């Protein structure tokens, strides 16, 4: 397993390097001059010259990248032009909020989407199959912003069960934190649950037609054992792939959902940074998000190795 992990890590390292290059160039492609923003309204020549020298803006582009990469490797993502706070501090404040939302949304999607996909495949052609497909397609088709607004109108305004907006950390008030994140997590989880259901159904239908499943049934094994231990375990690989991609997308920030429910997460931070031309924050968020994608996919590869005995046997 260590050898497999090292091989995957060797692939991830150059990928991270290319991501860092793209993130750095992305900042250069953004419209406007961050030095002029930092100089303020006066923008006198001495201040501009001082800031360009301080941030090495007069150096060649390759040297700017090297200096920036050196700072990143030391944990320095720059300073926000709007707040004056280190970008790492801002990310440390916002990332736990998005992680909480993402984990809650994935829990809901997994508990609903995967069992529904298994039942739909096993009961193919029955009313359960049509019902599961209808619910999954509804989750995929309904826009998040519309569902969020309707939930606020029904659950918060009319019934008064949950707060319409805001956020509370689980460390201060766990119950209040659950109340403020329940609806946005449900909104985020509906589309993911629909995708998981469709992919689980497709994978299960493919596996149920394999010879080893027919052999297991011919041996007289109970149907529950055949479905869960033989078919479902082998159908997990594409589901893991999809789950990793979906979780990475959630960590990137659910912009519309966080805006609707006023959740101070990654999505809201990136929108505010773009509108305020806070280039360092945009750059830092993109870099952290891309790195998260790489690490999540690396974890998915390790799960492949654990669940698939053929991969272990090939090493």
Protein backbone atom coordinates (compact mmCIF):
# COMPACT_ATOMS: atom_id res chain seq x y z
CA UNK A 1 0.00 0.00 0.00
CA UNK A 2 2.90 2.35 0.78
CA UNK A 3 4.26 1.87 -2.74
CA UNK A 4 0.89 2.63 -4.28
CA UNK A 5 0.53 5.74 -2.12
CA UNK A 6 3.99 7.00 -3.11
CA UNK A 7 3.19 6.47 -6.80
CA UNK A 8 0.02 8.50 -6.50
CA UNK A 9 1.86 11.17 -4.53
CA UNK A 10 4.49 11.46 -7.26
CA UNK A 11 1.69 12.21 -9.70
CA UNK A 12 0.08 14.75 -7.35
CA UNK A 13 3.25 16.82 -6.82
CA UNK A 14 3.70 17.99 -10.46
CA UNK A 15 -0.04 18.57 -10.64
CA UNK A 16 0.18 20.89 -7.65
CA UNK A 17 3.11 22.67 -9.28
CA UNK A 18 1.12 23.30 -12.47
CA UNK A 19 -1.82 24.51 -10.37
CA UNK A 20 0.44 27.01 -8.61
CA UNK A 21 1.59 28.33 -12.01
CA UNK A 22 -1.99 28.76 -13.23
CA UNK A 23 -3.08 30.41 -9.98
CA UNK A 24 -0.19 32.88 -10.16
CA UNK A 25 -0.90 33.71 -13.80
CA UNK A 26 -4.60 34.06 -12.99
CA UNK A 27 -3.81 36.99 -10.75
CA UNK A 28 -1.88 38.68 -13.57
CA UNK A 29 -4.83 38.23 -15.94
CA UNK A 30 -7.33 39.90 -13.63
CA UNK A 31 -8.31 43.43 -14.70
CA UNK A 32 -6.98 46.37 -12.73
CA UNK A 33 -3.77 47.06 -10.86
CA UNK A 34 -3.63 45.90 -7.22
CA UNK A 35 -0.92 48.48 -6.49
CA UNK A 36 -3.30 51.31 -7.45
CA UNK A 37 -5.93 49.80 -5.17
CA UNK A 38 -3.46 49.65 -2.30
CA UNK A 39 -2.26 53.20 -2.94
CA UNK A 40 -5.69 54.60 -2.16
CA UNK A 41 -7.39 57.62 -3.66
CA UNK A 42 -4.33 59.90 -3.60
CA UNK A 43 -2.16 57.54 -5.65
CA UNK A 44 0.92 59.75 -5.47
CA UNK A 45 3.94 58.62 -7.44
CA UNK A 46 6.14 57.98 -4.39
CA UNK A 47 3.59 55.68 -2.74
CA UNK A 48 3.06 53.73 -5.94
CA UNK A 49 6.81 53.37 -6.49
CA UNK A 50 7.29 52.25 -2.88
CA UNK A 51 4.54 49.61 -3.13
CA UNK A 52 5.84 48.28 -6.45
CA UNK A 53 9.28 47.89 -4.92
CA UNK A 54 7.90 46.36 -1.71
CA UNK A 55 5.86 43.72 -3.52
CA UNK A 56 8.56 43.13 -6.20
CA UNK A 57 6.22 44.19 -9.00
CA UNK A 58 9.15 45.63 -10.95
CA UNK A 59 10.92 42.27 -11.08
CA UNK A 60 10.60 39.93 -14.08
CA UNK A 61 7.53 37.68 -14.02
CA UNK A 62 9.53 34.49 -13.37
CA UNK A 63 11.16 36.02 -10.29
CA UNK A 64 7.79 37.25 -9.04
CA UNK A 65 6.52 33.68 -9.27
CA UNK A 66 9.56 32.27 -7.46
CA UNK A 67 9.18 34.77 -4.61
CA UNK A 68 5.46 34.08 -4.41
CA UNK A 69 5.94 30.29 -4.42
CA UNK A 70 8.56 30.59 -1.69
CA UNK A 71 6.08 32.52 0.47
CA UNK A 72 3.34 29.97 -0.25
CA UNK A 73 5.59 27.07 0.80
CA UNK A 74 6.16 28.94 4.07
CA UNK A 75 2.40 29.32 4.58
CA UNK A 76 2.17 32.95 3.49
CA UNK A 77 -0.61 33.55 0.93
CA UNK A 78 -0.35 37.31 1.07
CA UNK A 79 -2.43 40.04 2.67
CA UNK A 80 -5.99 41.07 1.90
CA UNK A 81 -6.13 44.49 0.21
CA UNK A 82 -9.53 45.19 1.73
CA UNK A 83 -9.10 44.14 5.37
CA UNK A 84 -5.31 44.12 5.76
CA UNK A 85 -5.49 40.66 7.34
CA UNK A 86 -3.35 37.71 6.20
CA UNK A 87 -5.15 35.55 3.64
CA UNK A 88 -4.29 32.42 5.64
CA UNK A 89 -6.16 33.90 8.62
CA UNK A 90 -9.23 34.66 6.49
CA UNK A 91 -9.19 31.15 5.02
CA UNK A 92 -8.83 29.66 8.50
CA UNK A 93 -11.99 31.56 9.49
CA UNK A 94 -14.08 30.65 6.44
CA UNK A 95 -12.91 27.13 5.57
CA UNK A 96 -14.38 25.39 8.68
CA UNK A 97 -17.79 26.87 7.83
CA UNK A 98 -17.69 25.45 4.30
CA UNK A 99 -16.32 22.11 5.56
CA UNK A 100 -19.24 21.84 8.00
CA UNK A 101 -21.75 22.56 5.23
CA UNK A 102 -20.01 20.14 2.83
CA UNK A 103 -19.89 17.30 5.36
CA UNK A 104 -23.55 17.74 6.30
CA UNK A 105 -24.58 17.89 2.64
CA UNK A 106 -22.57 14.75 1.82
CA UNK A 107 -24.03 12.87 4.79
CA UNK A 108 -27.55 13.69 3.62
CA UNK A 109 -26.73 12.86 -0.01
CA UNK A 110 -25.06 9.55 0.91
CA UNK A 111 -27.82 8.39 3.24
CA UNK A 112 -30.50 9.19 0.67
CA UNK A 113 -28.86 8.74 -2.75
CA UNK A 114 -26.94 5.47 -2.36
CA UNK A 115 -29.72 3.38 -0.72
CA UNK A 116 -32.20 4.77 -3.25
CA UNK A 117 -29.89 3.74 -6.10
CA UNK A 118 -29.46 0.23 -4.73
CA UNK A 119 -33.22 -0.21 -4.24
CA UNK A 120 -33.92 1.19 -7.70
CA UNK A 121 -31.49 -1.28 -9.32
CA UNK A 122 -32.73 -4.30 -7.34
CA UNK A 123 -36.38 -3.36 -7.95
CA UNK A 124 -35.88 -2.38 -11.59
CA UNK A 125 -39.12 -1.79 -13.45
CA UNK A 126 -41.24 -1.55 -10.29
CA UNK A 127 -42.94 1.45 -8.71
CA UNK A 128 -39.93 1.85 -6.37
CA UNK A 129 -37.64 2.24 -9.38
CA UNK A 130 -39.85 4.89 -10.98
CA UNK A 131 -40.28 6.73 -7.67
CA UNK A 132 -36.53 6.81 -6.98
CA UNK A 133 -35.81 8.06 -10.51
CA UNK A 134 -38.47 10.76 -10.19
CA UNK A 135 -37.05 12.03 -6.90
CA UNK A 136 -33.48 11.92 -8.25
CA UNK A 137 -34.37 13.84 -11.40
CA UNK A 138 -36.28 16.38 -9.31
CA UNK A 139 -33.20 16.94 -7.14
CA UNK A 140 -31.04 17.41 -10.24
CA UNK A 141 -33.51 19.70 -12.01
CA UNK A 142 -34.59 22.09 -9.26
CA UNK A 143 -32.18 25.08 -9.01
CA UNK A 144 -30.52 25.51 -5.62
CA UNK A 145 -31.39 29.19 -5.34
CA UNK A 146 -35.11 28.53 -5.96
CA UNK A 147 -35.21 25.62 -3.51
CA UNK A 148 -33.41 27.70 -0.90
CA UNK A 149 -35.85 30.60 -1.25
CA UNK A 150 -38.86 28.27 -1.08
CA UNK A 151 -37.51 26.57 2.05
CA UNK A 152 -36.95 29.94 3.72
CA UNK A 153 -40.52 30.96 2.85
CA UNK A 154 -42.05 27.70 4.07
CA UNK A 155 -39.86 26.55 6.97
CA UNK A 156 -38.70 29.90 8.36
CA UNK A 157 -41.35 32.48 7.48
CA UNK A 158 -44.56 30.44 7.57
CA UNK A 159 -43.70 27.72 10.10
CA UNK A 160 -40.92 29.38 12.08
CA UNK A 161 -39.06 26.11 12.62
CA UNK A 162 -35.57 27.19 11.53
CA UNK A 163 -33.75 30.55 11.19
CA UNK A 164 -33.86 32.03 7.70
CA UNK A 165 -30.22 33.11 7.64
CA UNK A 166 -27.09 33.55 9.70
CA UNK A 167 -24.53 31.15 11.10
CA UNK A 168 -23.30 30.03 14.50
CA UNK A 169 -20.17 27.93 15.08
CA UNK A 170 -20.67 24.50 16.67
CA UNK A 171 -18.13 25.42 19.36
CA UNK A 172 -20.26 28.29 20.65
CA UNK A 173 -23.72 26.73 20.34
CA UNK A 174 -23.97 23.25 18.70
CA UNK A 175 -27.77 23.26 18.54
CA UNK A 176 -27.94 26.73 17.03
CA UNK A 177 -25.20 25.77 14.57
CA UNK A 178 -27.23 22.76 13.45
CA UNK A 179 -30.32 24.92 13.02
CA UNK A 180 -28.53 27.50 10.87
CA UNK A 181 -26.85 24.94 8.59
CA UNK A 182 -29.62 22.36 8.23
CA UNK A 183 -31.50 24.04 5.38
CA UNK A 184 -28.44 25.09 3.32
CA UNK A 185 -26.96 21.59 3.75
CA UNK A 186 -30.24 20.08 2.54
CA UNK A 187 -30.28 22.40 -0.47
CA UNK A 188 -26.71 21.47 -1.37
CA UNK A 189 -27.34 17.77 -0.78
CA UNK A 190 -30.40 17.38 -3.01
CA UNK A 191 -28.55 17.61 -6.33
CA UNK A 192 -25.70 15.43 -5.04
CA UNK A 193 -28.18 12.84 -3.79
CA UNK A 194 -29.78 12.74 -7.24
CA UNK A 195 -26.40 12.22 -8.93
CA UNK A 196 -25.39 9.54 -6.43
CA UNK A 197 -28.69 7.74 -6.92
CA UNK A 198 -28.33 7.67 -10.71
CA UNK A 199 -24.70 6.52 -10.63
CA UNK A 200 -25.38 3.92 -7.92
CA UNK A 201 -28.29 2.52 -9.92
CA UNK A 202 -26.20 2.34 -13.10
CA UNK A 203 -23.26 0.69 -11.32
CA UNK A 204 -25.49 -1.81 -9.53
CA UNK A 205 -27.32 -2.78 -12.73
CA UNK A 206 -23.96 -3.45 -14.39
CA UNK A 207 -22.64 -5.50 -11.47
CA UNK A 208 -25.84 -7.54 -11.03
CA UNK A 209 -25.35 -8.92 -14.54
CA UNK A 210 -21.87 -10.28 -13.80
CA UNK A 211 -21.14 -14.01 -13.61
CA UNK A 212 -19.95 -13.95 -10.01
CA UNK A 213 -23.31 -12.56 -8.88
CA UNK A 214 -25.15 -15.38 -10.67
CA UNK A 215 -22.70 -17.85 -9.14
CA UNK A 216 -23.36 -16.48 -5.65
CA UNK A 217 -27.09 -16.88 -6.17
CA UNK A 218 -26.61 -20.39 -7.54
CA UNK A 219 -24.78 -21.35 -4.35
CA UNK A 220 -27.91 -20.52 -2.41
CA UNK A 221 -26.68 -17.38 -0.68
CA UNK A 222 -29.33 -15.11 0.72
CA UNK A 223 -30.32 -12.22 -1.55
CA UNK A 224 -29.25 -9.66 1.06
CA UNK A 225 -25.76 -11.18 1.16
CA UNK A 226 -25.54 -11.23 -2.64
CA UNK A 227 -26.62 -7.60 -2.92
CA UNK A 228 -24.59 -6.07 -0.10
CA UNK A 229 -21.42 -8.18 0.06
CA UNK A 230 -20.94 -9.12 -3.59
CA UNK A 231 -22.72 -6.62 -5.82
CA UNK A 232 -22.65 -3.37 -3.81
CA UNK A 233 -19.00 -3.65 -2.79
CA UNK A 234 -17.91 -3.94 -6.42
CA UNK A 235 -20.21 -1.10 -7.46
CA UNK A 236 -18.60 1.27 -4.96
CA UNK A 237 -15.66 2.36 -7.12
CA UNK A 238 -17.52 4.76 -9.48
CA UNK A 239 -19.55 5.99 -6.50
CA UNK A 240 -16.35 6.90 -4.64
CA UNK A 241 -15.11 8.78 -7.69
CA UNK A 242 -18.30 10.82 -7.94
CA UNK A 243 -18.40 11.47 -4.18
CA UNK A 244 -14.83 12.77 -4.22
CA UNK A 245 -15.58 15.16 -7.08
CA UNK A 246 -18.81 16.38 -5.48
CA UNK A 247 -17.17 16.93 -2.10
CA UNK A 248 -14.38 18.88 -3.78
CA UNK A 249 -16.96 21.09 -5.49
CA UNK A 250 -18.63 21.75 -2.15
CA UNK A 251 -15.31 22.78 -0.62
CA UNK A 252 -14.85 25.20 -3.51
CA UNK A 253 -17.80 27.07 -2.06
CA UNK A 254 -21.50 26.96 -2.80
CA UNK A 255 -21.76 30.58 -3.90
CA UNK A 256 -25.51 30.93 -4.41
CA UNK A 257 -26.52 28.87 -1.38
CA UNK A 258 -24.17 30.73 0.95
CA UNK A 259 -25.40 34.06 -0.41
CA UNK A 260 -29.07 33.13 0.06
CA UNK A 261 -28.64 31.90 3.63
CA UNK A 262 -25.94 34.49 4.51
CA UNK A 263 -23.43 31.80 5.42
CA UNK A 264 -19.91 33.28 5.83
CA UNK A 265 -18.11 30.52 3.95
CA UNK A 266 -15.74 30.15 1.02
CA UNK A 267 -18.38 30.99 -1.58
CA UNK A 268 -19.36 34.30 -0.01
CA UNK A 269 -15.71 35.19 0.57
CA UNK A 270 -14.72 34.61 -3.07
CA UNK A 271 -17.68 36.68 -4.32
CA UNK A 272 -16.80 39.57 -2.00
CA UNK A 273 -13.13 39.32 -2.99
CA UNK A 274 -13.94 39.47 -6.72
CA UNK A 275 -16.24 42.47 -6.32
CA UNK A 276 -13.67 44.29 -4.18
CA UNK A 277 -10.76 43.29 -6.46
CA UNK A 278 -9.04 41.66 -3.50
CA UNK A 279 -6.56 39.75 -5.67
CA UNK A 280 -4.61 38.07 -2.88
CA UNK A 281 -7.79 36.53 -1.41
CA UNK A 282 -8.95 35.28 -4.82
CA UNK A 283 -5.54 33.78 -5.44
CA UNK A 284 -5.41 32.13 -2.02
CA UNK A 285 -8.91 30.65 -2.24
CA UNK A 286 -8.29 29.21 -5.72
CA UNK A 287 -4.99 27.68 -4.59
CA UNK A 288 -6.50 26.11 -1.46
CA UNK A 289 -9.49 24.83 -3.41
CA UNK A 290 -7.35 23.23 -6.11
CA UNK A 291 -5.09 21.65 -3.50
CA UNK A 292 -8.16 20.26 -1.73
CA UNK A 293 -9.29 18.63 -4.98
CA UNK A 294 -5.91 16.93 -5.35
CA UNK A 295 -5.90 15.64 -1.76
CA UNK A 296 -9.50 14.39 -1.96
CA UNK A 297 -8.78 12.50 -5.17
CA UNK A 298 -5.66 11.04 -3.56
CA UNK A 299 -7.82 9.79 -0.71
CA UNK A 300 -10.27 8.31 -3.23
CA UNK A 301 -7.38 6.44 -4.89
CA UNK A 302 -6.41 4.97 -1.52
CA UNK A 303 -10.01 3.83 -0.98
CA UNK A 304 -9.87 2.11 -4.38
CA UNK A 305 -6.83 0.21 -3.18
CA UNK A 306 -8.54 -0.86 0.04
CA UNK A 307 -11.82 -1.94 -1.59
CA UNK A 308 -10.47 -3.56 -4.77
CA UNK A 309 -8.45 -6.74 -4.12
CA UNK A 310 -7.37 -6.89 -7.79
CA UNK A 311 -5.42 -3.66 -7.34
CA UNK A 312 -3.64 -5.09 -4.29
CA UNK A 313 -2.85 -8.30 -6.16
CA UNK A 314 -1.33 -6.40 -9.10
CA UNK A 315 1.37 -4.85 -6.90
